[in-house]
Amino acid sequence: MRRVLLVTVLALATTALAVQAAWAGSPHFVGTPTITRSGDAITVSGKVAGLGNETQINVAVTADVACVNPGNNEPKAENKGATIAEGTFPVQNGKATFSVTGTGTTSPDCSPPMTLRYSNVVVTVSGDSFDPDLVFAFPGTF
């Protein structure tokens, strides 16, 4: 009888530890986040899973921003590495989808016929219960 009781207690303890590990989650991107451009605005979209009991995620998109003239030259401009867009998204069943859109700014303003060029675009996903943050860097310029 003692042996059965001991086995039962050990089984329950093991189950309790496994449930805590499942709640902790293991955040990861599902597939690769995407980036699109419309005019001077960029949109970064994606899906994150393995969020466990997280209730929401915070998503920030940063990039180097340059103003480019029709000759493909970059006049002196500031605001490199600016936060382009950010948002908070709900988590349902340990998963969340996100889509953030923003437009970089330069000083002086970048007005036609000049256009914005984005490089070193990075999306960072953070939450209250996981560390380090999820980070994805897009290669190339947009």
C-alpha atoms as a PDB file:
ATOM      1  CA  MET A   1       0.000   0.000   0.000  1.00  0.00           C
ATOM      2  CA  ARG A   2       2.849   2.365   0.847  1.00  0.00           C
ATOM      3  CA  ARG A   3       4.466   1.644  -2.507  1.00  0.00           C
ATOM      4  CA  VAL A   4       1.257   2.536  -4.415  1.00  0.00           C
ATOM      5  CA  LEU A   5       0.900   5.723  -2.400  1.00  0.00           C
ATOM      6  CA  LEU A   6       4.545   6.677  -3.099  1.00  0.00           C
ATOM      7  CA  VAL A   7       4.153   6.038  -6.852  1.00  0.00           C
ATOM      8  CA  THR A   8       0.952   8.097  -6.934  1.00  0.00           C
ATOM      9  CA  VAL A   9       2.571  11.036  -5.125  1.00  0.00           C
ATOM     10  CA  LEU A  10       5.582  10.957  -7.449  1.00  0.00           C
ATOM     11  CA  ALA A  11       3.320  10.836 -10.506  1.00  0.00           C
ATOM     12  CA  LEU A  12       1.329  13.855  -9.295  1.00  0.00           C
ATOM     13  CA  ALA A  13       4.507  15.802  -8.528  1.00  0.00           C
ATOM     14  CA  THR A  14       5.901  15.075 -11.987  1.00  0.00           C
ATOM     15  CA  THR A  15       2.625  16.181 -13.601  1.00  0.00           C
ATOM     16  CA  ALA A  16       2.610  19.412 -11.577  1.00  0.00           C
ATOM     17  CA  LEU A  17       6.142  20.253 -12.732  1.00  0.00           C
ATOM     18  CA  ALA A  18       5.280  19.487 -16.358  1.00  0.00           C
ATOM     19  CA  VAL A  19       2.229  21.770 -16.231  1.00  0.00           C
ATOM     20  CA  GLN A  20       4.344  24.656 -14.883  1.00  0.00           C
ATOM     21  CA  ALA A  21       6.835  24.190 -17.710  1.00  0.00           C
ATOM     22  CA  ALA A  22       4.005  24.260 -20.260  1.00  0.00           C
ATOM     23  CA  TRP A  23       2.659  27.518 -18.789  1.00  0.00           C
ATOM     24  CA  ALA A  24       6.076  29.131 -19.057  1.00  0.00           C
ATOM     25  CA  GLY A  25       6.029  28.772 -22.859  1.00  0.00           C
ATOM     26  CA  SER A  26       8.811  28.901 -25.382  1.00  0.00           C
ATOM     27  CA  PRO A  27       8.189  31.942 -27.612  1.00  0.00           C
ATOM     28  CA  HIS A  28       9.170  31.665 -31.273  1.00  0.00           C
ATOM     29  CA  PHE A  29       8.198  33.118 -34.635  1.00  0.00           C
ATOM     30  CA  VAL A  30       5.919  30.937 -36.748  1.00  0.00           C
ATOM     31  CA  GLY A  31       7.540  31.178 -40.143  1.00  0.00           C
ATOM     32  CA  THR A  32       9.386  34.355 -41.058  1.00  0.00           C
ATOM     33  CA  PRO A  33       7.940  37.816 -40.404  1.00  0.00           C
ATOM     34  CA  THR A  34       7.157  39.752 -43.590  1.00  0.00           C
ATOM     35  CA  ILE A  35       7.846  43.337 -44.581  1.00  0.00           C
ATOM     36  CA  THR A  36       5.971  45.307 -47.238  1.00  0.00           C
ATOM     37  CA  ARG A  37       6.192  48.875 -48.406  1.00  0.00           C
ATOM     38  CA  SER A  38       3.493  51.243 -49.627  1.00  0.00           C
ATOM     39  CA  GLY A  39       4.721  54.719 -50.486  1.00  0.00           C
ATOM     40  CA  ASP A  40       7.006  55.789 -47.651  1.00  0.00           C
ATOM     41  CA  ALA A  41       5.316  53.482 -45.083  1.00  0.00           C
ATOM     42  CA  ILE A  42       6.507  50.007 -44.140  1.00  0.00           C
ATOM     43  CA  THR A  43       4.388  47.240 -42.613  1.00  0.00           C
ATOM     44  CA  VAL A  44       5.845  44.342 -40.665  1.00  0.00           C
ATOM     45  CA  SER A  45       3.573  41.340 -39.985  1.00  0.00           C
ATOM     46  CA  GLY A  46       4.045  37.973 -38.366  1.00  0.00           C
ATOM     47  CA  LYS A  47       2.911  35.327 -35.926  1.00  0.00           C
ATOM     48  CA  VAL A  48       4.388  34.281 -32.584  1.00  0.00           C
ATOM     49  CA  ALA A  49       3.571  31.022 -30.780  1.00  0.00           C
ATOM     50  CA  GLY A  50       4.697  29.293 -27.601  1.00  0.00           C
ATOM     51  CA  LEU A  51       3.606  32.233 -25.471  1.00  0.00           C
ATOM     52  CA  GLY A  52       2.257  30.122 -22.602  1.00  0.00           C
ATOM     53  CA  ASN A  53       0.181  32.221 -20.210  1.00  0.00           C
ATOM     54  CA  GLU A  54       1.278  35.574 -21.674  1.00  0.00           C
ATOM     55  CA  THR A  55      -1.742  37.882 -22.109  1.00  0.00           C
ATOM     56  CA  GLN A  56      -0.263  40.298 -24.651  1.00  0.00           C
ATOM     57  CA  ILE A  57       2.898  41.009 -26.614  1.00  0.00           C
ATOM     58  CA  ASN A  58       4.561  44.293 -27.473  1.00  0.00           C
ATOM     59  CA  VAL A  59       5.993  44.687 -30.964  1.00  0.00           C
ATOM     60  CA  ALA A  60       8.426  47.418 -32.012  1.00  0.00           C
ATOM     61  CA  VAL A  61       9.919  48.025 -35.452  1.00  0.00           C
ATOM     62  CA  THR A  62      13.140  50.018 -35.723  1.00  0.00           C
ATOM     63  CA  ALA A  63      15.188  50.958 -38.773  1.00  0.00           C
ATOM     64  CA  ASP A  64      17.795  53.294 -40.131  1.00  0.00           C
ATOM     65  CA  VAL A  65      15.990  55.906 -42.227  1.00  0.00           C
ATOM     66  CA  ALA A  66      17.573  57.898 -45.032  1.00  0.00           C
ATOM     67  CA  CYS A  67      16.173  60.450 -47.423  1.00  0.00           C
ATOM     68  CA  VAL A  68      17.239  59.614 -50.993  1.00  0.00           C
ATOM     69  CA  ASN A  69      17.100  62.022 -53.932  1.00  0.00           C
ATOM     70  CA  PRO A  70      16.367  61.023 -57.564  1.00  0.00           C
ATOM     71  CA  GLY A  71      20.141  60.683 -58.169  1.00  0.00           C
ATOM     72  CA  ASN A  72      20.153  57.909 -55.495  1.00  0.00           C
ATOM     73  CA  ASN A  73      22.217  60.103 -53.158  1.00  0.00           C
ATOM     74  CA  GLU A  74      21.572  60.630 -49.451  1.00  0.00           C
ATOM     75  CA  PRO A  75      21.696  64.268 -48.373  1.00  0.00           C
ATOM     76  CA  LYS A  76      22.614  64.844 -44.742  1.00  0.00           C
ATOM     77  CA  ALA A  77      19.754  63.617 -42.562  1.00  0.00           C
ATOM     78  CA  GLU A  78      19.325  62.615 -38.946  1.00  0.00           C
ATOM     79  CA  ASN A  79      17.154  60.212 -36.959  1.00  0.00           C
ATOM     80  CA  LYS A  80      19.007  56.986 -37.693  1.00  0.00           C
ATOM     81  CA  GLY A  81      17.782  53.954 -35.768  1.00  0.00           C
ATOM     82  CA  ALA A  82      14.370  55.432 -35.051  1.00  0.00           C
ATOM     83  CA  THR A  83      11.367  53.496 -33.824  1.00  0.00           C
ATOM     84  CA  ILE A  84       9.160  53.377 -36.889  1.00  0.00           C
ATOM     85  CA  ALA A  85       6.103  51.715 -35.359  1.00  0.00           C
ATOM     86  CA  GLU A  86       4.984  49.811 -32.291  1.00  0.00           C
ATOM     87  CA  GLY A  87       1.878  48.138 -30.963  1.00  0.00           C
ATOM     88  CA  THR A  88       0.408  45.801 -28.373  1.00  0.00           C
ATOM     89  CA  PHE A  89      -1.364  42.620 -29.477  1.00  0.00           C
ATOM     90  CA  PRO A  90      -3.490  40.121 -27.520  1.00  0.00           C
ATOM     91  CA  VAL A  91      -2.419  36.512 -27.037  1.00  0.00           C
ATOM     92  CA  GLN A  92      -4.994  33.767 -27.555  1.00  0.00           C
ATOM     93  CA  ASN A  93      -4.234  30.122 -26.830  1.00  0.00           C
ATOM     94  CA  GLY A  94      -0.511  30.879 -26.579  1.00  0.00           C
ATOM     95  CA  LYS A  95      -0.371  32.544 -30.046  1.00  0.00           C
ATOM     96  CA  ALA A  96      -0.497  36.088 -31.367  1.00  0.00           C
ATOM     97  CA  THR A  97      -0.477  37.698 -34.785  1.00  0.00           C
ATOM     98  CA  PHE A  98       0.796  41.212 -35.330  1.00  0.00           C
ATOM     99  CA  SER A  99       0.936  43.839 -38.033  1.00  0.00           C
ATOM    100  CA  VAL A 100       2.496  47.252 -37.442  1.00  0.00           C
ATOM    101  CA  THR A 101       2.737  50.066 -39.981  1.00  0.00           C
ATOM    102  CA  GLY A 102       4.763  53.224 -39.723  1.00  0.00           C
ATOM    103  CA  THR A 103       6.714  55.874 -41.573  1.00  0.00           C
ATOM    104  CA  GLY A 104      10.176  57.031 -40.613  1.00  0.00           C
ATOM    105  CA  THR A 105      11.015  60.669 -40.130  1.00  0.00           C
ATOM    106  CA  THR A 106      14.118  62.638 -41.060  1.00  0.00           C
ATOM    107  CA  SER A 107      15.375  66.087 -40.288  1.00  0.00           C
ATOM    108  CA  PRO A 108      14.983  68.020 -42.521  1.00  0.00           C
ATOM    109  CA  ASP A 109      11.749  66.513 -43.845  1.00  0.00           C
ATOM    110  CA  CYS A 110      11.988  64.185 -46.802  1.00  0.00           C
ATOM    111  CA  SER A 111       9.620  65.581 -49.413  1.00  0.00           C
ATOM    112  CA  PRO A 112       9.108  64.679 -53.101  1.00  0.00           C
ATOM    113  CA  PRO A 113      10.867  64.052 -55.324  1.00  0.00           C
ATOM    114  CA  MET A 114      12.949  62.566 -52.473  1.00  0.00           C
ATOM    115  CA  THR A 115      11.906  59.256 -50.902  1.00  0.00           C
ATOM    116  CA  LEU A 116      12.653  57.377 -47.697  1.00  0.00           C
ATOM    117  CA  ARG A 117      14.978  54.387 -47.706  1.00  0.00           C
ATOM    118  CA  TYR A 118      14.875  51.898 -44.817  1.00  0.00           C
ATOM    119  CA  SER A 119      17.781  49.662 -43.841  1.00  0.00           C
ATOM    120  CA  ASN A 120      18.658  47.570 -40.785  1.00  0.00           C
ATOM    121  CA  VAL A 121      14.944  46.931 -40.173  1.00  0.00           C
ATOM    122  CA  VAL A 122      14.443  44.979 -36.941  1.00  0.00           C
ATOM    123  CA  VAL A 123      11.248  43.688 -35.323  1.00  0.00           C
ATOM    124  CA  THR A 124      11.390  43.073 -31.567  1.00  0.00           C
ATOM    125  CA  VAL A 125       8.688  41.152 -29.697  1.00  0.00           C
ATOM    126  CA  SER A 126       8.586  41.404 -25.910  1.00  0.00           C
ATOM    127  CA  GLY A 127       6.311  40.143 -23.161  1.00  0.00           C
ATOM    128  CA  ASP A 128       6.032  40.182 -19.397  1.00  0.00           C
ATOM    129  CA  SER A 129       6.943  36.537 -18.855  1.00  0.00           C
ATOM    130  CA  PHE A 130       9.763  35.851 -21.319  1.00  0.00           C
ATOM    131  CA  ASP A 131      13.313  37.058 -21.598  1.00  0.00           C
ATOM    132  CA  PRO A 132      15.203  37.599 -23.853  1.00  0.00           C
ATOM    133  CA  ASP A 133      12.961  39.305 -26.386  1.00  0.00           C
ATOM    134  CA  LEU A 134      12.372  37.748 -29.809  1.00  0.00           C
ATOM    135  CA  VAL A 135      14.287  39.656 -32.475  1.00  0.00           C
ATOM    136  CA  PHE A 136      14.255  39.335 -36.264  1.00  0.00           C
ATOM    137  CA  ALA A 137      16.441  41.475 -38.554  1.00  0.00           C
ATOM    138  CA  PHE A 138      15.467  41.933 -42.206  1.00  0.00           C
ATOM    139  CA  PRO A 139      18.393  41.920 -44.640  1.00  0.00           C
ATOM    140  CA  GLY A 140      18.632  44.583 -47.343  1.00  0.00           C
ATOM    141  CA  THR A 141      17.008  47.945 -47.920  1.00  0.00           C
ATOM    142  CA  PHE A 142      13.383  48.831 -48.476  1.00  0.00           C
END
